[in-house]
């Protein structure tokens, strides 16, 4: 609870307590005192309600998780220069301007980029990635602990508290892992969707410049 909200709550409880003490110790209870008690009670409830609303308006941010992995930047060999620059620019922006801890980009079964906290484990797209492709829309797991199948993203980084998956048409995905639960905003989601569309067009335009090594098989294939 923010400090200002806590102060408002304490003031409300104090006013209510003093009002009750005053009512219990008063020898007589004339109409003027009754009106004063009602006003004091309403004031106390109002202060406590302000504290609750203040807390909802400015929620306490979730603590960053202790994530294992090494800081790094890895591109697949043989990338076109224009694509390399686009991936480097986009990943840098997300990792510095949002609460992202790790990014992975896959296209045609190839992991083109890993950046941030990374692992050397092979990423195999599972049901959540496939669902994003079927719907052709971003899927945001705001608290991965609540979602079955979250182990799909352990090769990106084990124990990610939150994940966003953005499809790249029918041929790939951008996976963004966050430092804490509910750390991504609506603005982050729109930004990821917009940049991914730009990246997809770049990938389509430089298709001949992509590596030809065997692709990674998908889960269930």
C-alpha atoms as a PDB file:
ATOM      1  CA  UNK A   1       0.000   0.000   0.000  1.00  0.00           C
ATOM      2  CA  UNK A   2       1.431   3.433  -0.926  1.00  0.00           C
ATOM      3  CA  UNK A   3       2.428   5.691   1.962  1.00  0.00           C
ATOM      4  CA  UNK A   4      -0.306   8.261   1.241  1.00  0.00           C
ATOM      5  CA  UNK A   5      -2.981   5.552   1.177  1.00  0.00           C
ATOM      6  CA  UNK A   6      -1.675   4.104   4.441  1.00  0.00           C
ATOM      7  CA  UNK A   7      -1.835   7.550   6.053  1.00  0.00           C
ATOM      8  CA  UNK A   8      -5.429   7.993   4.875  1.00  0.00           C
ATOM      9  CA  UNK A   9      -6.374   4.581   6.293  1.00  0.00           C
ATOM     10  CA  UNK A  10      -4.765   5.336   9.661  1.00  0.00           C
ATOM     11  CA  UNK A  11      -6.578   8.679   9.826  1.00  0.00           C
ATOM     12  CA  UNK A  12      -9.905   7.000   9.055  1.00  0.00           C
ATOM     13  CA  UNK A  13      -9.429   4.339  11.728  1.00  0.00           C
ATOM     14  CA  UNK A  14      -8.357   6.985  14.243  1.00  0.00           C
ATOM     15  CA  UNK A  15     -11.408   9.181  13.557  1.00  0.00           C
ATOM     16  CA  UNK A  16     -13.732   6.175  13.861  1.00  0.00           C
ATOM     17  CA  UNK A  17     -12.086   5.047  17.113  1.00  0.00           C
ATOM     18  CA  UNK A  18     -12.289   8.498  18.691  1.00  0.00           C
ATOM     19  CA  UNK A  19     -15.903   8.810  17.596  1.00  0.00           C
ATOM     20  CA  UNK A  20     -16.797   5.510  19.281  1.00  0.00           C
ATOM     21  CA  UNK A  21     -14.914   6.443  22.459  1.00  0.00           C
ATOM     22  CA  UNK A  22     -16.702   9.791  22.547  1.00  0.00           C
ATOM     23  CA  UNK A  23     -20.101   8.136  22.111  1.00  0.00           C
ATOM     24  CA  UNK A  24     -19.435   5.560  24.838  1.00  0.00           C
ATOM     25  CA  UNK A  25     -18.169   8.065  27.390  1.00  0.00           C
ATOM     26  CA  UNK A  26     -20.784  10.773  26.795  1.00  0.00           C
ATOM     27  CA  UNK A  27     -23.212  11.057  29.684  1.00  0.00           C
ATOM     28  CA  UNK A  28     -26.030  12.297  27.483  1.00  0.00           C
ATOM     29  CA  UNK A  29     -26.726  11.823  23.802  1.00  0.00           C
ATOM     30  CA  UNK A  30     -28.488  14.967  22.546  1.00  0.00           C
ATOM     31  CA  UNK A  31     -29.419  15.406  18.853  1.00  0.00           C
ATOM     32  CA  UNK A  32     -26.379  17.626  18.233  1.00  0.00           C
ATOM     33  CA  UNK A  33     -24.049  14.859  19.433  1.00  0.00           C
ATOM     34  CA  UNK A  34     -25.892  12.302  17.326  1.00  0.00           C
ATOM     35  CA  UNK A  35     -25.377  14.440  14.229  1.00  0.00           C
ATOM     36  CA  UNK A  36     -21.701  14.893  15.093  1.00  0.00           C
ATOM     37  CA  UNK A  37     -21.253  11.131  15.514  1.00  0.00           C
ATOM     38  CA  UNK A  38     -22.896  10.443  12.153  1.00  0.00           C
ATOM     39  CA  UNK A  39     -20.660  12.991  10.415  1.00  0.00           C
ATOM     40  CA  UNK A  40     -17.563  11.599  12.131  1.00  0.00           C
ATOM     41  CA  UNK A  41     -18.502   8.069  11.092  1.00  0.00           C
ATOM     42  CA  UNK A  42     -19.052   9.125   7.475  1.00  0.00           C
ATOM     43  CA  UNK A  43     -15.729  10.966   7.471  1.00  0.00           C
ATOM     44  CA  UNK A  44     -13.929   7.889   8.822  1.00  0.00           C
ATOM     45  CA  UNK A  45     -15.507   5.599   6.232  1.00  0.00           C
ATOM     46  CA  UNK A  46     -14.680   8.135   3.505  1.00  0.00           C
ATOM     47  CA  UNK A  47     -11.016   8.242   4.502  1.00  0.00           C
ATOM     48  CA  UNK A  48     -10.786   4.438   4.538  1.00  0.00           C
ATOM     49  CA  UNK A  49     -12.514   4.230   1.150  1.00  0.00           C
ATOM     50  CA  UNK A  50     -10.020   6.739  -0.271  1.00  0.00           C
ATOM     51  CA  UNK A  51      -7.194   4.502   0.976  1.00  0.00           C
ATOM     52  CA  UNK A  52      -8.687   1.464  -0.783  1.00  0.00           C
ATOM     53  CA  UNK A  53      -9.252   3.330  -4.055  1.00  0.00           C
ATOM     54  CA  UNK A  54      -5.778   4.853  -3.871  1.00  0.00           C
ATOM     55  CA  UNK A  55      -4.265   1.397  -3.533  1.00  0.00           C
ATOM     56  CA  UNK A  56      -6.178   0.149  -6.572  1.00  0.00           C
ATOM     57  CA  UNK A  57      -5.201   3.186  -8.625  1.00  0.00           C
ATOM     58  CA  UNK A  58      -1.523   2.833  -7.718  1.00  0.00           C
ATOM     59  CA  UNK A  59      -1.006  -0.903  -7.045  1.00  0.00           C
ATOM     60  CA  UNK A  60       2.209  -2.083  -5.496  1.00  0.00           C
ATOM     61  CA  UNK A  61       4.420  -3.440  -8.274  1.00  0.00           C
ATOM     62  CA  UNK A  62       5.280  -7.121  -8.142  1.00  0.00           C
ATOM     63  CA  UNK A  63       8.819  -7.934  -7.096  1.00  0.00           C
ATOM     64  CA  UNK A  64      11.221  -9.063  -9.791  1.00  0.00           C
ATOM     65  CA  UNK A  65      11.848 -12.800  -9.795  1.00  0.00           C
ATOM     66  CA  UNK A  66      15.292 -14.289  -9.276  1.00  0.00           C
ATOM     67  CA  UNK A  67      15.847 -15.674 -12.764  1.00  0.00           C
ATOM     68  CA  UNK A  68      18.697 -17.964 -13.734  1.00  0.00           C
ATOM     69  CA  UNK A  69      20.511 -17.482 -17.015  1.00  0.00           C
ATOM     70  CA  UNK A  70      23.360 -15.548 -18.522  1.00  0.00           C
ATOM     71  CA  UNK A  71      23.208 -12.124 -20.118  1.00  0.00           C
ATOM     72  CA  UNK A  72      23.849 -12.486 -23.799  1.00  0.00           C
ATOM     73  CA  UNK A  73      23.033 -11.727 -27.412  1.00  0.00           C
ATOM     74  CA  UNK A  74      23.025 -14.563 -29.919  1.00  0.00           C
ATOM     75  CA  UNK A  75      22.155 -14.495 -33.596  1.00  0.00           C
ATOM     76  CA  UNK A  76      21.924 -17.515 -35.825  1.00  0.00           C
ATOM     77  CA  UNK A  77      24.800 -17.552 -38.293  1.00  0.00           C
ATOM     78  CA  UNK A  78      24.296 -16.287 -41.827  1.00  0.00           C
ATOM     79  CA  UNK A  79      21.649 -13.619 -41.215  1.00  0.00           C
ATOM     80  CA  UNK A  80      21.115 -10.835 -43.717  1.00  0.00           C
ATOM     81  CA  UNK A  81      22.585  -7.522 -42.506  1.00  0.00           C
ATOM     82  CA  UNK A  82      19.265  -5.654 -42.670  1.00  0.00           C
ATOM     83  CA  UNK A  83      17.556  -8.378 -40.643  1.00  0.00           C
ATOM     84  CA  UNK A  84      20.378  -8.425 -38.093  1.00  0.00           C
ATOM     85  CA  UNK A  85      20.045  -4.672 -37.590  1.00  0.00           C
ATOM     86  CA  UNK A  86      16.251  -4.911 -37.221  1.00  0.00           C
ATOM     87  CA  UNK A  87      16.515  -7.701 -34.649  1.00  0.00           C
ATOM     88  CA  UNK A  88      19.256  -5.894 -32.732  1.00  0.00           C
ATOM     89  CA  UNK A  89      17.322  -2.618 -32.648  1.00  0.00           C
ATOM     90  CA  UNK A  90      13.973  -4.138 -31.682  1.00  0.00           C
ATOM     91  CA  UNK A  91      15.338  -6.418 -28.970  1.00  0.00           C
ATOM     92  CA  UNK A  92      17.359  -3.560 -27.466  1.00  0.00           C
ATOM     93  CA  UNK A  93      14.267  -1.359 -27.276  1.00  0.00           C
ATOM     94  CA  UNK A  94      12.147  -3.995 -25.534  1.00  0.00           C
ATOM     95  CA  UNK A  95      14.837  -4.980 -23.049  1.00  0.00           C
ATOM     96  CA  UNK A  96      15.600  -1.391 -22.056  1.00  0.00           C
ATOM     97  CA  UNK A  97      12.196   0.324 -22.286  1.00  0.00           C
ATOM     98  CA  UNK A  98       9.940  -2.411 -20.864  1.00  0.00           C
ATOM     99  CA  UNK A  99      10.082  -4.968 -18.041  1.00  0.00           C
ATOM    100  CA  UNK A 100      11.309  -7.680 -20.409  1.00  0.00           C
ATOM    101  CA  UNK A 101      14.079  -9.973 -19.175  1.00  0.00           C
ATOM    102  CA  UNK A 102      14.496 -12.155 -22.249  1.00  0.00           C
ATOM    103  CA  UNK A 103      13.549 -12.241 -25.927  1.00  0.00           C
ATOM    104  CA  UNK A 104      13.518 -15.072 -28.439  1.00  0.00           C
ATOM    105  CA  UNK A 105      12.622 -14.844 -32.133  1.00  0.00           C
ATOM    106  CA  UNK A 106      11.845 -17.979 -34.163  1.00  0.00           C
ATOM    107  CA  UNK A 107      11.150 -18.130 -37.906  1.00  0.00           C
ATOM    108  CA  UNK A 108      10.604 -21.218 -40.058  1.00  0.00           C
ATOM    109  CA  UNK A 109      11.847 -23.430 -37.232  1.00  0.00           C
ATOM    110  CA  UNK A 110      15.074 -21.458 -36.706  1.00  0.00           C
ATOM    111  CA  UNK A 111      15.812 -19.495 -33.535  1.00  0.00           C
ATOM    112  CA  UNK A 112      17.127 -16.299 -35.109  1.00  0.00           C
ATOM    113  CA  UNK A 113      17.745 -14.362 -31.902  1.00  0.00           C
ATOM    114  CA  UNK A 114      18.137 -14.772 -28.167  1.00  0.00           C
ATOM    115  CA  UNK A 115      18.810 -11.699 -26.082  1.00  0.00           C
ATOM    116  CA  UNK A 116      18.751 -10.668 -22.433  1.00  0.00           C
ATOM    117  CA  UNK A 117      18.906 -13.509 -19.933  1.00  0.00           C
ATOM    118  CA  UNK A 118      19.311 -16.570 -22.142  1.00  0.00           C
ATOM    119  CA  UNK A 119      19.942 -20.309 -22.041  1.00  0.00           C
ATOM    120  CA  UNK A 120      21.436 -22.775 -24.494  1.00  0.00           C
ATOM    121  CA  UNK A 121      18.371 -25.056 -24.398  1.00  0.00           C
ATOM    122  CA  UNK A 122      16.532 -25.836 -27.636  1.00  0.00           C
ATOM    123  CA  UNK A 123      13.173 -24.088 -27.889  1.00  0.00           C
ATOM    124  CA  UNK A 124      10.341 -26.218 -29.272  1.00  0.00           C
ATOM    125  CA  UNK A 125       7.045 -24.344 -29.863  1.00  0.00           C
ATOM    126  CA  UNK A 126       4.165 -25.968 -28.012  1.00  0.00           C
ATOM    127  CA  UNK A 127       0.386 -25.565 -27.703  1.00  0.00           C
ATOM    128  CA  UNK A 128       0.495 -21.929 -26.562  1.00  0.00           C
ATOM    129  CA  UNK A 129       2.595 -20.827 -29.539  1.00  0.00           C
ATOM    130  CA  UNK A 130       0.402 -22.856 -31.885  1.00  0.00           C
ATOM    131  CA  UNK A 131      -2.721 -21.257 -30.403  1.00  0.00           C
ATOM    132  CA  UNK A 132      -1.234 -17.807 -31.030  1.00  0.00           C
ATOM    133  CA  UNK A 133      -0.651 -18.786 -34.668  1.00  0.00           C
ATOM    134  CA  UNK A 134      -4.182 -20.128 -35.070  1.00  0.00           C
ATOM    135  CA  UNK A 135      -5.714 -16.964 -33.618  1.00  0.00           C
ATOM    136  CA  UNK A 136      -3.165 -14.655 -35.262  1.00  0.00           C
ATOM    137  CA  UNK A 137      -3.052 -12.525 -32.149  1.00  0.00           C
ATOM    138  CA  UNK A 138      -0.831 -11.908 -29.170  1.00  0.00           C
ATOM    139  CA  UNK A 139      -1.214 -14.204 -26.163  1.00  0.00           C
ATOM    140  CA  UNK A 140      -0.188 -12.708 -22.825  1.00  0.00           C
ATOM    141  CA  UNK A 141       0.406 -14.962 -19.828  1.00  0.00           C
ATOM    142  CA  UNK A 142       0.317 -12.334 -17.089  1.00  0.00           C
ATOM    143  CA  UNK A 143       1.048 -14.911 -14.371  1.00  0.00           C
ATOM    144  CA  UNK A 144       2.529 -18.099 -15.799  1.00  0.00           C
ATOM    145  CA  UNK A 145       1.994 -19.987 -12.530  1.00  0.00           C
ATOM    146  CA  UNK A 146      -1.738 -20.076 -13.356  1.00  0.00           C
ATOM    147  CA  UNK A 147      -1.338 -21.532 -16.855  1.00  0.00           C
ATOM    148  CA  UNK A 148      -0.936 -25.230 -17.683  1.00  0.00           C
ATOM    149  CA  UNK A 149       1.790 -25.789 -20.247  1.00  0.00           C
ATOM    150  CA  UNK A 150       3.974 -22.937 -19.043  1.00  0.00           C
ATOM    151  CA  UNK A 151       6.956 -25.337 -19.187  1.00  0.00           C
ATOM    152  CA  UNK A 152       6.862 -24.690 -22.935  1.00  0.00           C
ATOM    153  CA  UNK A 153       8.862 -21.526 -22.249  1.00  0.00           C
ATOM    154  CA  UNK A 154      11.450 -22.982 -19.853  1.00  0.00           C
ATOM    155  CA  UNK A 155      13.978 -23.307 -22.727  1.00  0.00           C
ATOM    156  CA  UNK A 156      13.637 -19.537 -23.226  1.00  0.00           C
ATOM    157  CA  UNK A 157      14.360 -18.977 -19.532  1.00  0.00           C
ATOM    158  CA  UNK A 158      13.285 -21.209 -16.629  1.00  0.00           C
ATOM    159  CA  UNK A 159      10.690 -19.798 -14.243  1.00  0.00           C
ATOM    160  CA  UNK A 160       9.585 -16.755 -16.223  1.00  0.00           C
ATOM    161  CA  UNK A 161       6.798 -15.045 -14.195  1.00  0.00           C
ATOM    162  CA  UNK A 162       5.087 -13.612 -17.297  1.00  0.00           C
ATOM    163  CA  UNK A 163       5.303 -14.213 -21.039  1.00  0.00           C
ATOM    164  CA  UNK A 164       3.988 -12.592 -24.209  1.00  0.00           C
ATOM    165  CA  UNK A 165       3.805 -14.595 -27.442  1.00  0.00           C
ATOM    166  CA  UNK A 166       3.303 -12.743 -30.727  1.00  0.00           C
ATOM    167  CA  UNK A 167       2.907 -14.775 -33.947  1.00  0.00           C
ATOM    168  CA  UNK A 168       4.853 -13.820 -37.073  1.00  0.00           C
ATOM    169  CA  UNK A 169       2.167 -14.802 -39.535  1.00  0.00           C
ATOM    170  CA  UNK A 170       2.132 -18.586 -39.939  1.00  0.00           C
ATOM    171  CA  UNK A 171       5.905 -18.968 -39.840  1.00  0.00           C
ATOM    172  CA  UNK A 172       7.235 -17.887 -36.472  1.00  0.00           C
ATOM    173  CA  UNK A 173       6.921 -16.174 -33.108  1.00  0.00           C
ATOM    174  CA  UNK A 174       8.401 -13.497 -30.906  1.00  0.00           C
ATOM    175  CA  UNK A 175       8.539 -14.626 -27.267  1.00  0.00           C
ATOM    176  CA  UNK A 176       9.071 -11.961 -24.613  1.00  0.00           C
ATOM    177  CA  UNK A 177       9.616 -12.973 -20.988  1.00  0.00           C
ATOM    178  CA  UNK A 178       9.119 -10.531 -18.100  1.00  0.00           C
ATOM    179  CA  UNK A 179      10.907  -9.991 -14.816  1.00  0.00           C
ATOM    180  CA  UNK A 180       7.732 -10.148 -12.726  1.00  0.00           C
ATOM    181  CA  UNK A 181       4.038 -11.022 -12.837  1.00  0.00           C
ATOM    182  CA  UNK A 182       1.765  -8.599 -14.704  1.00  0.00           C
ATOM    183  CA  UNK A 183       4.761  -6.486 -15.669  1.00  0.00           C
ATOM    184  CA  UNK A 184       3.704  -5.802 -19.270  1.00  0.00           C
ATOM    185  CA  UNK A 185       1.283  -2.984 -20.070  1.00  0.00           C
ATOM    186  CA  UNK A 186      -1.288  -2.623 -22.837  1.00  0.00           C
ATOM    187  CA  UNK A 187       1.130  -0.232 -24.480  1.00  0.00           C
ATOM    188  CA  UNK A 188       3.821  -2.955 -24.420  1.00  0.00           C
ATOM    189  CA  UNK A 189       1.398  -5.382 -26.065  1.00  0.00           C
ATOM    190  CA  UNK A 190       0.544  -2.927 -28.848  1.00  0.00           C
ATOM    191  CA  UNK A 191       4.202  -2.109 -29.342  1.00  0.00           C
ATOM    192  CA  UNK A 192       5.136  -5.796 -29.620  1.00  0.00           C
ATOM    193  CA  UNK A 193       2.345  -6.442 -32.120  1.00  0.00           C
ATOM    194  CA  UNK A 194       3.400  -3.463 -34.245  1.00  0.00           C
ATOM    195  CA  UNK A 195       7.102  -4.274 -34.228  1.00  0.00           C
ATOM    196  CA  UNK A 196       6.423  -7.941 -34.971  1.00  0.00           C
ATOM    197  CA  UNK A 197       4.465  -6.976 -38.081  1.00  0.00           C
ATOM    198  CA  UNK A 198       7.382  -4.827 -39.205  1.00  0.00           C
ATOM    199  CA  UNK A 199       9.773  -7.712 -38.470  1.00  0.00           C
ATOM    200  CA  UNK A 200       7.599 -10.158 -40.410  1.00  0.00           C
ATOM    201  CA  UNK A 201       7.714  -7.931 -43.491  1.00  0.00           C
ATOM    202  CA  UNK A 202      11.502  -7.712 -43.171  1.00  0.00           C
ATOM    203  CA  UNK A 203      11.742 -11.499 -42.873  1.00  0.00           C
ATOM    204  CA  UNK A 204       9.569 -11.963 -45.946  1.00  0.00           C
ATOM    205  CA  UNK A 205      11.702  -9.534 -47.942  1.00  0.00           C
ATOM    206  CA  UNK A 206      15.053 -11.169 -47.063  1.00  0.00           C
ATOM    207  CA  UNK A 207      13.930 -14.785 -47.177  1.00  0.00           C
ATOM    208  CA  UNK A 208      16.795 -15.723 -49.458  1.00  0.00           C
ATOM    209  CA  UNK A 209      19.257 -14.441 -46.851  1.00  0.00           C
ATOM    210  CA  UNK A 210      18.165 -16.811 -44.098  1.00  0.00           C
ATOM    211  CA  UNK A 211      20.157 -19.898 -43.050  1.00  0.00           C
ATOM    212  CA  UNK A 212      19.251 -23.245 -44.593  1.00  0.00           C
ATOM    213  CA  UNK A 213      20.100 -25.493 -41.626  1.00  0.00           C
ATOM    214  CA  UNK A 214      17.440 -28.057 -40.570  1.00  0.00           C
ATOM    215  CA  UNK A 215      14.590 -26.378 -38.656  1.00  0.00           C
ATOM    216  CA  UNK A 216      13.621 -27.182 -35.083  1.00  0.00           C
ATOM    217  CA  UNK A 217      10.649 -29.612 -34.959  1.00  0.00           C
ATOM    218  CA  UNK A 218       7.449 -28.349 -33.358  1.00  0.00           C
ATOM    219  CA  UNK A 219       5.823 -30.022 -30.382  1.00  0.00           C
ATOM    220  CA  UNK A 220       3.567 -32.833 -31.485  1.00  0.00           C
ATOM    221  CA  UNK A 221       5.081 -33.053 -34.986  1.00  0.00           C
END
